[in-house]
Amino acid sequence: MARGGGGGGGGKAGSLKDKLDGNELDLSLCDLSEVPVRELAALPKATVLDLSCNNLISLPSDFCSLMHLVKLDLSKNRLQQLPLDFGRLVNLQHLDLLNNRLVTLPVSFAQLKNLKWLDLKDNPLDPVLAKVAGDCLDEKQCKQAAVRVLQHMKVIQSEQDQERQRKLQAEREMEKKREAEQRAREAQERELRKREKAEEKERRRREYDAQRAAKQEMEKKTKKETVQTRKPASSSRPPQLPRHKHSWSRSVLRVLLLVLLCILCTLAVCKLTELRHQPLCISVNTLYEDVVAAVQNHKALQNLLHQNSQQ
C-alpha cells in the first residue's frame, strides 16, 4: 500500500503491483500528497507512470532516481517546482505538466535529451518561458514545445555555465591577485627587514669605529703625558753608570788601596823594626830611597823647566 503523507490529506493508492498493467502504472485520482518513490523503484518495468489528478505539491529529490521512466503524467496537481536534478530522468520522452503551479523549470531540464513531447499549459509560467513553450493543443504543438523548451533551457544552462566559469575565473584572478599582493607584501617586508638589518649593522660599525678611534686617541694622549712626565725627571738626574761598571771600579780601587796599605806596612816594618837588616828589608829600603831620589830629581827638573819657561 502507498499512502500519502501530510496527515489526513493522503488516500490509499492500493497495491502498486495490482495497478501495474504491462509497463503502465496508473496512480491517478489516488489522493496522493507524496509519491511512493521506494515502491516505484521496486517496479523498473513501470516505464509509464500516471500521477495526474492528485494533491502533489512537490516531488522528493529521490524521485529523480526513477531513471527507467519513459512517460510521466503529472498534470492537474499543485506542483510549485520540480527537483533541481530533474534532468537525471534522461530516458523521459513524454512529460505532461498541465495545470500545475509551476513558474520556472530547473536548469537540469536541458539534460532531458530524449524528451519529444511536453505540455506546460495552465501554469503561471515566467513570460519568457511561456512564450517559448507556446500552446500544446495538438500532437505537433506539444512536440514543438518540447524542442523549443529544451533549446531554451540549454541556452540558460550555457549562460549559467558561462557565468559560473566567469565567476570561477574572476575568483581565480582575484586569488592570483591576492597571492601576488601577498608575495609583493612579503617581498617588501623582506626588503625592509634587510634594509633595517643593513642600517643596524652600519650603525654598529660606526659605533665600533668611533670607540676604537676614541680608544686610540686616549692611548696616544696617555703616552704623550707619560713621556712629558718622565722627560724632566730624567734630565734633572745625573747620568748613572751601569751597575756592573761601578762595581768593577770599586773593586779595583779597593785592590789598589790594599796594595798601597801593604807597601806602607812593609816599608814601616823595614824602617822602624829590627828587621831592617834583613835582606828583604834592605832591598825594600834601597828601593824606597831610589824612589824618593827619583821624585826629588823630578821636582828639581820641574822647577828648572818652570824657571826657563818664565825667562
C-alpha atoms as a PDB file:
ATOM      1  CA  MET A   1       0.000   0.000   0.000  1.00  0.00           C
ATOM      2  CA  ALA A   2       1.212   3.533  -0.859  1.00  0.00           C
ATOM      3  CA  ARG A   3      -0.176   6.186   1.417  1.00  0.00           C
ATOM      4  CA  GLY A   4       0.087   9.940   1.017  1.00  0.00           C
ATOM      5  CA  GLY A   5       1.880  11.880   3.729  1.00  0.00           C
ATOM      6  CA  GLY A   6       0.809  15.095   5.354  1.00  0.00           C
ATOM      7  CA  GLY A   7      -1.868  13.856   7.786  1.00  0.00           C
ATOM      8  CA  GLY A   8      -5.391  13.201   6.520  1.00  0.00           C
ATOM      9  CA  GLY A   9      -4.737  14.584   3.042  1.00  0.00           C
ATOM     10  CA  GLY A  10      -3.379  11.315   1.671  1.00  0.00           C
ATOM     11  CA  GLY A  11      -5.533   8.435   0.464  1.00  0.00           C
ATOM     12  CA  LYS A  12      -4.729   4.891  -0.316  1.00  0.00           C
ATOM     13  CA  ALA A  13      -3.020   4.132  -3.558  1.00  0.00           C
ATOM     14  CA  GLY A  14      -3.695   0.433  -3.357  1.00  0.00           C
ATOM     15  CA  SER A  15      -1.191  -2.205  -4.170  1.00  0.00           C
ATOM     16  CA  LEU A  16       1.146  -0.920  -6.890  1.00  0.00           C
ATOM     17  CA  LYS A  17       1.555  -4.334  -8.404  1.00  0.00           C
ATOM     18  CA  ASP A  18      -2.218  -4.666  -8.706  1.00  0.00           C
ATOM     19  CA  LYS A  19      -2.284  -1.393 -10.608  1.00  0.00           C
ATOM     20  CA  LEU A  20       0.556  -2.367 -12.947  1.00  0.00           C
ATOM     21  CA  ASP A  21      -0.694  -3.147 -16.431  1.00  0.00           C
ATOM     22  CA  GLY A  22       2.189  -4.250 -18.597  1.00  0.00           C
ATOM     23  CA  ASN A  23       4.599  -1.335 -18.409  1.00  0.00           C
ATOM     24  CA  GLU A  24       1.928   1.172 -17.350  1.00  0.00           C
ATOM     25  CA  LEU A  25       1.228   2.109 -13.760  1.00  0.00           C
ATOM     26  CA  ASP A  26      -1.818   4.261 -13.113  1.00  0.00           C
ATOM     27  CA  LEU A  27      -1.826   6.134  -9.797  1.00  0.00           C
ATOM     28  CA  SER A  28      -4.121   8.909 -10.876  1.00  0.00           C
ATOM     29  CA  LEU A  29      -7.037  10.016  -8.694  1.00  0.00           C
ATOM     30  CA  CYS A  30      -5.486   8.350  -5.637  1.00  0.00           C
ATOM     31  CA  ASP A  31      -5.479  11.493  -3.496  1.00  0.00           C
ATOM     32  CA  LEU A  32      -1.685  11.273  -3.169  1.00  0.00           C
ATOM     33  CA  SER A  33       0.147  14.080  -1.406  1.00  0.00           C
ATOM     34  CA  GLU A  34       3.502  12.251  -1.668  1.00  0.00           C
ATOM     35  CA  VAL A  35       4.993   9.986  -4.319  1.00  0.00           C
ATOM     36  CA  PRO A  36       5.765   6.418  -3.125  1.00  0.00           C
ATOM     37  CA  VAL A  37       9.266   6.517  -4.620  1.00  0.00           C
ATOM     38  CA  ARG A  38      10.527   3.411  -2.818  1.00  0.00           C
ATOM     39  CA  GLU A  39       7.694   1.259  -4.107  1.00  0.00           C
ATOM     40  CA  LEU A  40       8.070   2.719  -7.620  1.00  0.00           C
ATOM     41  CA  ALA A  41      11.792   1.985  -7.643  1.00  0.00           C
ATOM     42  CA  ALA A  42      10.932  -1.669  -6.988  1.00  0.00           C
ATOM     43  CA  LEU A  43       8.979  -1.745 -10.265  1.00  0.00           C
ATOM     44  CA  PRO A  44      11.503  -0.928 -13.007  1.00  0.00           C
ATOM     45  CA  LYS A  45       9.088  -2.370 -15.612  1.00  0.00           C
ATOM     46  CA  ALA A  46       6.718   0.518 -14.970  1.00  0.00           C
ATOM     47  CA  THR A  47       8.134   2.882 -17.606  1.00  0.00           C
ATOM     48  CA  VAL A  48       4.804   4.690 -17.997  1.00  0.00           C
ATOM     49  CA  LEU A  49       3.626   6.405 -14.795  1.00  0.00           C
ATOM     50  CA  ASP A  50       0.407   8.364 -14.378  1.00  0.00           C
ATOM     51  CA  LEU A  51       0.267  10.570 -11.253  1.00  0.00           C
ATOM     52  CA  SER A  52      -2.328  13.009 -12.531  1.00  0.00           C
ATOM     53  CA  CYS A  53      -5.222  14.384 -10.501  1.00  0.00           C
ATOM     54  CA  ASN A  54      -3.584  14.108  -7.077  1.00  0.00           C
ATOM     55  CA  ASN A  55      -2.564  16.574  -4.377  1.00  0.00           C
ATOM     56  CA  LEU A  56       1.165  16.651  -5.082  1.00  0.00           C
ATOM     57  CA  ILE A  57       2.777  19.950  -4.086  1.00  0.00           C
ATOM     58  CA  SER A  58       6.373  18.860  -4.697  1.00  0.00           C
ATOM     59  CA  LEU A  59       8.388  15.842  -5.730  1.00  0.00           C
ATOM     60  CA  PRO A  60      11.013  14.360  -3.416  1.00  0.00           C
ATOM     61  CA  SER A  61      14.677  14.584  -4.568  1.00  0.00           C
ATOM     62  CA  ASP A  62      14.913  10.771  -4.811  1.00  0.00           C
ATOM     63  CA  PHE A  63      12.110  10.825  -7.375  1.00  0.00           C
ATOM     64  CA  CYS A  64      14.855  11.586  -9.929  1.00  0.00           C
ATOM     65  CA  SER A  65      16.314   8.142  -9.274  1.00  0.00           C
ATOM     66  CA  LEU A  66      13.410   6.635 -11.274  1.00  0.00           C
ATOM     67  CA  MET A  67      15.514   6.805 -14.411  1.00  0.00           C
ATOM     68  CA  HIS A  68      13.557   3.994 -16.068  1.00  0.00           C
ATOM     69  CA  LEU A  69      10.552   6.301 -16.670  1.00  0.00           C
ATOM     70  CA  VAL A  70       9.781   6.995 -20.328  1.00  0.00           C
ATOM     71  CA  LYS A  71       6.346   8.634 -19.991  1.00  0.00           C
ATOM     72  CA  LEU A  72       5.266  10.694 -16.980  1.00  0.00           C
ATOM     73  CA  ASP A  73       1.928  12.377 -16.363  1.00  0.00           C
ATOM     74  CA  LEU A  74       1.906  14.922 -13.524  1.00  0.00           C
ATOM     75  CA  SER A  75      -0.975  17.002 -14.785  1.00  0.00           C
ATOM     76  CA  LYS A  76      -3.627  18.521 -12.524  1.00  0.00           C
ATOM     77  CA  ASN A  77      -1.605  18.588  -9.323  1.00  0.00           C
ATOM     78  CA  ARG A  78      -0.360  21.533  -7.269  1.00  0.00           C
ATOM     79  CA  LEU A  79       3.334  21.300  -8.098  1.00  0.00           C
ATOM     80  CA  GLN A  80       5.134  24.582  -7.471  1.00  0.00           C
ATOM     81  CA  GLN A  81       8.553  23.419  -8.617  1.00  0.00           C
ATOM     82  CA  LEU A  82      10.439  20.392  -9.889  1.00  0.00           C
ATOM     83  CA  PRO A  83      13.537  18.913  -8.217  1.00  0.00           C
ATOM     84  CA  LEU A  84      16.803  20.611  -9.188  1.00  0.00           C
ATOM     85  CA  ASP A  85      18.203  17.349 -10.606  1.00  0.00           C
ATOM     86  CA  PHE A  86      15.061  16.557 -12.610  1.00  0.00           C
ATOM     87  CA  GLY A  87      17.348  16.238 -15.642  1.00  0.00           C
ATOM     88  CA  ARG A  88      18.544  12.859 -14.339  1.00  0.00           C
ATOM     89  CA  LEU A  89      15.409  11.318 -15.905  1.00  0.00           C
ATOM     90  CA  VAL A  90      17.349  11.068 -19.179  1.00  0.00           C
ATOM     91  CA  ASN A  91      15.056   8.371 -20.657  1.00  0.00           C
ATOM     92  CA  LEU A  92      11.943  10.517 -20.373  1.00  0.00           C
ATOM     93  CA  GLN A  93      10.247  11.096 -23.739  1.00  0.00           C
ATOM     94  CA  HIS A  94       6.760  12.265 -22.766  1.00  0.00           C
ATOM     95  CA  LEU A  95       6.062  14.751 -19.952  1.00  0.00           C
ATOM     96  CA  ASP A  96       2.674  16.202 -19.061  1.00  0.00           C
ATOM     97  CA  LEU A  97       2.717  19.114 -16.583  1.00  0.00           C
ATOM     98  CA  LEU A  98      -0.674  20.566 -17.443  1.00  0.00           C
ATOM     99  CA  ASN A  99      -2.480  22.620 -14.836  1.00  0.00           C
ATOM    100  CA  ASN A 100       0.065  22.955 -12.032  1.00  0.00           C
ATOM    101  CA  ARG A 101       1.598  25.969 -10.288  1.00  0.00           C
ATOM    102  CA  LEU A 102       4.993  25.984 -11.991  1.00  0.00           C
ATOM    103  CA  VAL A 103       6.705  29.297 -12.688  1.00  0.00           C
ATOM    104  CA  THR A 104      10.119  28.103 -13.869  1.00  0.00           C
ATOM    105  CA  LEU A 105      11.891  24.872 -14.733  1.00  0.00           C
ATOM    106  CA  PRO A 106      15.183  23.648 -13.223  1.00  0.00           C
ATOM    107  CA  VAL A 107      18.256  24.243 -15.397  1.00  0.00           C
ATOM    108  CA  SER A 108      18.925  20.495 -15.412  1.00  0.00           C
ATOM    109  CA  PHE A 109      15.788  20.208 -17.574  1.00  0.00           C
ATOM    110  CA  ALA A 110      18.146  20.804 -20.519  1.00  0.00           C
ATOM    111  CA  GLN A 111      19.619  17.320 -19.935  1.00  0.00           C
ATOM    112  CA  LEU A 112      16.371  15.587 -20.988  1.00  0.00           C
ATOM    113  CA  LYS A 113      17.864  14.916 -24.405  1.00  0.00           C
ATOM    114  CA  ASN A 114      15.216  12.259 -25.282  1.00  0.00           C
ATOM    115  CA  LEU A 115      12.186  14.429 -24.496  1.00  0.00           C
ATOM    116  CA  LYS A 116       9.842  14.523 -27.525  1.00  0.00           C
ATOM    117  CA  TRP A 117       6.536  15.722 -26.029  1.00  0.00           C
ATOM    118  CA  LEU A 118       5.815  18.436 -23.448  1.00  0.00           C
ATOM    119  CA  ASP A 119       2.699  20.157 -22.131  1.00  0.00           C
ATOM    120  CA  LEU A 120       3.066  23.210 -19.879  1.00  0.00           C
ATOM    121  CA  LYS A 121      -0.361  24.765 -20.367  1.00  0.00           C
ATOM    122  CA  ASP A 122      -2.278  26.290 -17.473  1.00  0.00           C
ATOM    123  CA  ASN A 123       0.803  27.098 -15.348  1.00  0.00           C
ATOM    124  CA  PRO A 124       1.758  30.598 -14.113  1.00  0.00           C
ATOM    125  CA  LEU A 125       4.944  30.388 -16.161  1.00  0.00           C
ATOM    126  CA  ASP A 126       7.523  33.109 -16.437  1.00  0.00           C
ATOM    127  CA  PRO A 127       6.528  35.173 -19.500  1.00  0.00           C
ATOM    128  CA  VAL A 128       9.679  34.307 -21.397  1.00  0.00           C
ATOM    129  CA  LEU A 129       9.266  30.590 -20.702  1.00  0.00           C
ATOM    130  CA  ALA A 130       5.563  30.733 -21.548  1.00  0.00           C
ATOM    131  CA  LYS A 131       6.318  32.365 -24.904  1.00  0.00           C
ATOM    132  CA  VAL A 132       8.972  29.745 -25.670  1.00  0.00           C
ATOM    133  CA  ALA A 133       6.680  26.832 -24.766  1.00  0.00           C
ATOM    134  CA  GLY A 134       3.682  28.134 -26.716  1.00  0.00           C
ATOM    135  CA  ASP A 135       0.457  26.173 -26.933  1.00  0.00           C
ATOM    136  CA  CYS A 136       0.056  22.394 -26.721  1.00  0.00           C
ATOM    137  CA  LEU A 137      -3.315  21.916 -28.386  1.00  0.00           C
ATOM    138  CA  ASP A 138      -2.281  19.028 -30.571  1.00  0.00           C
ATOM    139  CA  GLU A 139       0.499  16.488 -31.011  1.00  0.00           C
ATOM    140  CA  LYS A 140       2.557  18.737 -33.260  1.00  0.00           C
ATOM    141  CA  GLN A 141       2.459  21.731 -30.910  1.00  0.00           C
ATOM    142  CA  CYS A 142       3.395  19.565 -27.915  1.00  0.00           C
ATOM    143  CA  LYS A 143       6.352  18.143 -29.804  1.00  0.00           C
ATOM    144  CA  GLN A 144       7.436  21.640 -30.849  1.00  0.00           C
ATOM    145  CA  ALA A 145       7.061  22.780 -27.249  1.00  0.00           C
ATOM    146  CA  ALA A 146       9.441  20.050 -26.133  1.00  0.00           C
ATOM    147  CA  VAL A 147      12.039  21.071 -28.734  1.00  0.00           C
ATOM    148  CA  ARG A 148      11.768  24.815 -28.019  1.00  0.00           C
ATOM    149  CA  VAL A 149      11.833  24.427 -24.236  1.00  0.00           C
ATOM    150  CA  LEU A 150      14.871  22.120 -24.384  1.00  0.00           C
ATOM    151  CA  GLN A 151      16.705  24.614 -26.567  1.00  0.00           C
ATOM    152  CA  HIS A 152      15.707  27.458 -24.271  1.00  0.00           C
ATOM    153  CA  MET A 153      16.871  25.581 -21.181  1.00  0.00           C
ATOM    154  CA  LYS A 154      20.147  24.669 -22.909  1.00  0.00           C
ATOM    155  CA  VAL A 155      20.741  28.343 -23.576  1.00  0.00           C
ATOM    156  CA  ILE A 156      20.023  29.130 -19.937  1.00  0.00           C
ATOM    157  CA  GLN A 157      22.286  26.294 -18.845  1.00  0.00           C
ATOM    158  CA  SER A 158      25.018  27.535 -21.152  1.00  0.00           C
ATOM    159  CA  GLU A 159      24.639  31.070 -19.836  1.00  0.00           C
ATOM    160  CA  GLN A 160      24.740  29.839 -16.277  1.00  0.00           C
ATOM    161  CA  ASP A 161      27.773  27.695 -17.057  1.00  0.00           C
ATOM    162  CA  GLN A 162      29.457  30.687 -18.656  1.00  0.00           C
ATOM    163  CA  GLU A 163      28.505  32.850 -15.694  1.00  0.00           C
ATOM    164  CA  ARG A 164      29.805  30.170 -13.383  1.00  0.00           C
ATOM    165  CA  GLN A 165      33.010  29.996 -15.402  1.00  0.00           C
ATOM    166  CA  ARG A 166      33.304  33.779 -15.311  1.00  0.00           C
ATOM    167  CA  LYS A 167      32.836  33.729 -11.560  1.00  0.00           C
ATOM    168  CA  LEU A 168      35.387  30.940 -11.209  1.00  0.00           C
ATOM    169  CA  GLN A 169      37.773  32.830 -13.475  1.00  0.00           C
ATOM    170  CA  ALA A 170      37.165  36.022 -11.543  1.00  0.00           C
ATOM    171  CA  GLU A 171      37.742  34.154  -8.295  1.00  0.00           C
ATOM    172  CA  ARG A 172      40.941  32.621  -9.700  1.00  0.00           C
ATOM    173  CA  GLU A 173      42.134  36.016 -10.891  1.00  0.00           C
ATOM    174  CA  MET A 174      41.213  37.517  -7.556  1.00  0.00           C
ATOM    175  CA  GLU A 175      43.046  34.713  -5.808  1.00  0.00           C
ATOM    176  CA  LYS A 176      46.058  35.232  -8.077  1.00  0.00           C
ATOM    177  CA  LYS A 177      45.874  38.946  -7.380  1.00  0.00           C
ATOM    178  CA  ARG A 178      45.709  38.313  -3.652  1.00  0.00           C
ATOM    179  CA  GLU A 179      48.616  35.897  -3.905  1.00  0.00           C
ATOM    180  CA  ALA A 180      50.591  38.414  -5.978  1.00  0.00           C
ATOM    181  CA  GLU A 181      49.808  41.143  -3.455  1.00  0.00           C
ATOM    182  CA  GLN A 182      50.769  38.800  -0.646  1.00  0.00           C
ATOM    183  CA  ARG A 183      54.052  37.955  -2.397  1.00  0.00           C
ATOM    184  CA  ALA A 184      54.663  41.650  -3.017  1.00  0.00           C
ATOM    185  CA  ARG A 185      53.997  42.441   0.654  1.00  0.00           C
ATOM    186  CA  GLU A 186      56.263  39.616   1.760  1.00  0.00           C
ATOM    187  CA  ALA A 187      58.990  40.782  -0.643  1.00  0.00           C
ATOM    188  CA  GLN A 188      58.574  44.346   0.614  1.00  0.00           C
ATOM    189  CA  GLU A 189      58.750  43.167   4.217  1.00  0.00           C
ATOM    190  CA  ARG A 190      61.855  41.108   3.434  1.00  0.00           C
ATOM    191  CA  GLU A 191      63.454  44.104   1.735  1.00  0.00           C
ATOM    192  CA  LEU A 192      62.528  46.316   4.676  1.00  0.00           C
ATOM    193  CA  ARG A 193      63.980  43.826   7.161  1.00  0.00           C
ATOM    194  CA  LYS A 194      67.096  43.524   5.014  1.00  0.00           C
ATOM    195  CA  ARG A 195      67.482  47.311   4.859  1.00  0.00           C
ATOM    196  CA  GLU A 196      66.898  47.656   8.593  1.00  0.00           C
ATOM    197  CA  LYS A 197      69.448  44.929   9.241  1.00  0.00           C
ATOM    198  CA  ALA A 198      71.984  46.666   6.980  1.00  0.00           C
ATOM    199  CA  GLU A 199      71.332  50.009   8.693  1.00  0.00           C
ATOM    200  CA  GLU A 200      71.714  48.404  12.116  1.00  0.00           C
ATOM    201  CA  LYS A 201      74.968  46.790  11.012  1.00  0.00           C
ATOM    202  CA  GLU A 202      76.254  50.095   9.635  1.00  0.00           C
ATOM    203  CA  ARG A 203      75.295  51.873  12.862  1.00  0.00           C
ATOM    204  CA  ARG A 204      77.106  49.289  14.964  1.00  0.00           C
ATOM    205  CA  ARG A 205      80.145  49.513  12.686  1.00  0.00           C
ATOM    206  CA  ARG A 206      80.253  53.302  13.064  1.00  0.00           C
ATOM    207  CA  GLU A 207      79.956  52.954  16.837  1.00  0.00           C
ATOM    208  CA  TYR A 208      82.763  50.401  16.813  1.00  0.00           C
ATOM    209  CA  ASP A 209      84.973  52.665  14.685  1.00  0.00           C
ATOM    210  CA  ALA A 210      84.206  55.640  16.917  1.00  0.00           C
ATOM    211  CA  GLN A 211      85.004  53.662  20.070  1.00  0.00           C
ATOM    212  CA  ARG A 212      88.206  52.360  18.519  1.00  0.00           C
ATOM    213  CA  ALA A 213      89.273  55.852  17.411  1.00  0.00           C
ATOM    214  CA  ALA A 214      88.500  57.259  20.870  1.00  0.00           C
ATOM    215  CA  LYS A 215      90.492  54.461  22.479  1.00  0.00           C
ATOM    216  CA  GLN A 216      93.473  55.075  20.190  1.00  0.00           C
ATOM    217  CA  GLU A 217      93.277  58.823  20.873  1.00  0.00           C
ATOM    218  CA  MET A 218      93.178  58.160  24.610  1.00  0.00           C
ATOM    219  CA  GLU A 219      96.197  55.848  24.336  1.00  0.00           C
ATOM    220  CA  LYS A 220      98.136  58.481  22.377  1.00  0.00           C
ATOM    221  CA  LYS A 221      97.246  61.164  24.907  1.00  0.00           C
ATOM    222  CA  THR A 222      98.233  58.936  27.832  1.00  0.00           C
ATOM    223  CA  LYS A 223     101.518  58.019  26.151  1.00  0.00           C
ATOM    224  CA  LYS A 224     102.304  61.675  25.432  1.00  0.00           C
ATOM    225  CA  GLU A 225     101.573  62.655  29.031  1.00  0.00           C
ATOM    226  CA  THR A 226     103.785  59.823  30.256  1.00  0.00           C
ATOM    227  CA  VAL A 227     106.682  60.937  28.031  1.00  0.00           C
ATOM    228  CA  GLN A 228     106.308  64.543  29.147  1.00  0.00           C
ATOM    229  CA  THR A 229     106.241  63.448  32.791  1.00  0.00           C
ATOM    230  CA  ARG A 230     109.394  61.299  32.516  1.00  0.00           C
ATOM    231  CA  LYS A 231     111.477  63.762  30.465  1.00  0.00           C
ATOM    232  CA  PRO A 232     112.166  66.435  33.191  1.00  0.00           C
ATOM    233  CA  ALA A 233     112.899  63.797  35.762  1.00  0.00           C
ATOM    234  CA  SER A 234     115.424  62.123  33.519  1.00  0.00           C
ATOM    235  CA  SER A 235     117.154  65.479  32.674  1.00  0.00           C
ATOM    236  CA  SER A 236     117.476  66.579  36.358  1.00  0.00           C
ATOM    237  CA  ARG A 237     119.169  63.426  37.489  1.00  0.00           C
ATOM    238  CA  PRO A 238     122.893  62.882  36.698  1.00  0.00           C
ATOM    239  CA  PRO A 239     123.687  60.041  34.435  1.00  0.00           C
ATOM    240  CA  GLN A 240     124.297  56.902  36.309  1.00  0.00           C
ATOM    241  CA  LEU A 241     126.948  54.461  35.420  1.00  0.00           C
ATOM    242  CA  PRO A 242     125.963  50.994  34.783  1.00  0.00           C
ATOM    243  CA  ARG A 243     125.751  48.946  37.917  1.00  0.00           C
ATOM    244  CA  HIS A 244     128.346  46.392  36.809  1.00  0.00           C
ATOM    245  CA  LYS A 245     130.812  49.108  35.719  1.00  0.00           C
ATOM    246  CA  HIS A 246     130.539  50.886  39.069  1.00  0.00           C
ATOM    247  CA  SER A 247     131.113  47.660  40.972  1.00  0.00           C
ATOM    248  CA  TRP A 248     134.281  46.919  38.951  1.00  0.00           C
ATOM    249  CA  SER A 249     135.698  50.373  39.655  1.00  0.00           C
ATOM    250  CA  ARG A 250     135.180  49.992  43.354  1.00  0.00           C
ATOM    251  CA  SER A 251     136.857  46.589  43.301  1.00  0.00           C
ATOM    252  CA  VAL A 252     139.946  47.984  41.551  1.00  0.00           C
ATOM    253  CA  LEU A 253     140.083  50.873  43.977  1.00  0.00           C
ATOM    254  CA  ARG A 254     139.957  48.505  46.905  1.00  0.00           C
ATOM    255  CA  VAL A 255     142.772  46.388  45.466  1.00  0.00           C
ATOM    256  CA  LEU A 256     144.915  49.467  44.888  1.00  0.00           C
ATOM    257  CA  LEU A 257     144.265  50.674  48.417  1.00  0.00           C
ATOM    258  CA  LEU A 258     145.101  47.241  49.775  1.00  0.00           C
ATOM    259  CA  VAL A 259     148.376  47.130  47.789  1.00  0.00           C
ATOM    260  CA  LEU A 260     149.294  50.622  48.955  1.00  0.00           C
ATOM    261  CA  LEU A 261     148.493  49.655  52.521  1.00  0.00           C
ATOM    262  CA  CYS A 262     150.693  46.573  52.209  1.00  0.00           C
ATOM    263  CA  ILE A 263     153.545  48.626  50.801  1.00  0.00           C
ATOM    264  CA  LEU A 264     153.255  51.174  53.578  1.00  0.00           C
ATOM    265  CA  CYS A 265     153.146  48.430  56.190  1.00  0.00           C
ATOM    266  CA  THR A 266     156.171  46.687  54.680  1.00  0.00           C
ATOM    267  CA  LEU A 267     158.067  49.990  54.478  1.00  0.00           C
ATOM    268  CA  ALA A 268     157.185  50.816  58.071  1.00  0.00           C
ATOM    269  CA  VAL A 269     158.348  47.397  59.241  1.00  0.00           C
ATOM    270  CA  CYS A 270     161.601  47.663  57.329  1.00  0.00           C
ATOM    271  CA  LYS A 271     162.314  51.175  58.573  1.00  0.00           C
ATOM    272  CA  LEU A 272     161.214  51.048  62.157  1.00  0.00           C
ATOM    273  CA  THR A 273     161.855  47.495  63.341  1.00  0.00           C
ATOM    274  CA  GLU A 274     164.887  45.314  63.850  1.00  0.00           C
ATOM    275  CA  LEU A 275     164.032  43.621  60.569  1.00  0.00           C
ATOM    276  CA  ARG A 276     165.568  46.436  58.570  1.00  0.00           C
ATOM    277  CA  HIS A 277     168.860  44.486  58.442  1.00  0.00           C
ATOM    278  CA  GLN A 278     167.142  41.570  56.767  1.00  0.00           C
ATOM    279  CA  PRO A 279     167.900  41.122  53.079  1.00  0.00           C
ATOM    280  CA  LEU A 280     164.260  41.728  52.082  1.00  0.00           C
ATOM    281  CA  CYS A 281     164.042  44.889  54.113  1.00  0.00           C
ATOM    282  CA  ILE A 282     167.415  46.066  52.792  1.00  0.00           C
ATOM    283  CA  SER A 283     166.014  45.687  49.247  1.00  0.00           C
ATOM    284  CA  VAL A 284     162.811  47.495  50.231  1.00  0.00           C
ATOM    285  CA  ASN A 285     164.719  50.334  51.862  1.00  0.00           C
ATOM    286  CA  THR A 286     167.028  50.670  48.882  1.00  0.00           C
ATOM    287  CA  LEU A 287     164.010  50.735  46.525  1.00  0.00           C
ATOM    288  CA  TYR A 288     162.321  53.326  48.712  1.00  0.00           C
ATOM    289  CA  GLU A 289     165.383  55.578  48.745  1.00  0.00           C
ATOM    290  CA  ASP A 290     165.685  55.263  44.950  1.00  0.00           C
ATOM    291  CA  VAL A 291     162.035  56.228  44.524  1.00  0.00           C
ATOM    292  CA  VAL A 292     162.450  59.222  46.845  1.00  0.00           C
ATOM    293  CA  ALA A 293     165.556  60.349  44.985  1.00  0.00           C
ATOM    294  CA  ALA A 294     163.755  59.997  41.658  1.00  0.00           C
ATOM    295  CA  VAL A 295     160.852  62.053  42.948  1.00  0.00           C
ATOM    296  CA  GLN A 296     163.185  64.762  44.195  1.00  0.00           C
ATOM    297  CA  ASN A 297     165.030  64.840  40.893  1.00  0.00           C
ATOM    298  CA  HIS A 298     161.662  65.058  39.120  1.00  0.00           C
ATOM    299  CA  LYS A 299     160.649  68.020  41.248  1.00  0.00           C
ATOM    300  CA  ALA A 300     164.011  69.744  40.619  1.00  0.00           C
ATOM    301  CA  LEU A 301     163.521  69.199  36.888  1.00  0.00           C
ATOM    302  CA  GLN A 302     160.062  70.686  37.054  1.00  0.00           C
ATOM    303  CA  ASN A 303     161.325  73.724  38.917  1.00  0.00           C
ATOM    304  CA  LEU A 304     164.124  74.234  36.335  1.00  0.00           C
ATOM    305  CA  LEU A 305     161.662  73.934  33.488  1.00  0.00           C
ATOM    306  CA  HIS A 306     159.320  76.325  35.195  1.00  0.00           C
ATOM    307  CA  GLN A 307     162.124  78.907  35.596  1.00  0.00           C
ATOM    308  CA  ASN A 308     163.138  78.539  31.984  1.00  0.00           C
ATOM    309  CA  SER A 309     159.573  78.999  30.863  1.00  0.00           C
ATOM    310  CA  GLN A 310     159.301  82.169  32.944  1.00  0.00           C
ATOM    311  CA  GLN A 311     162.535  83.647  31.398  1.00  0.00           C
END
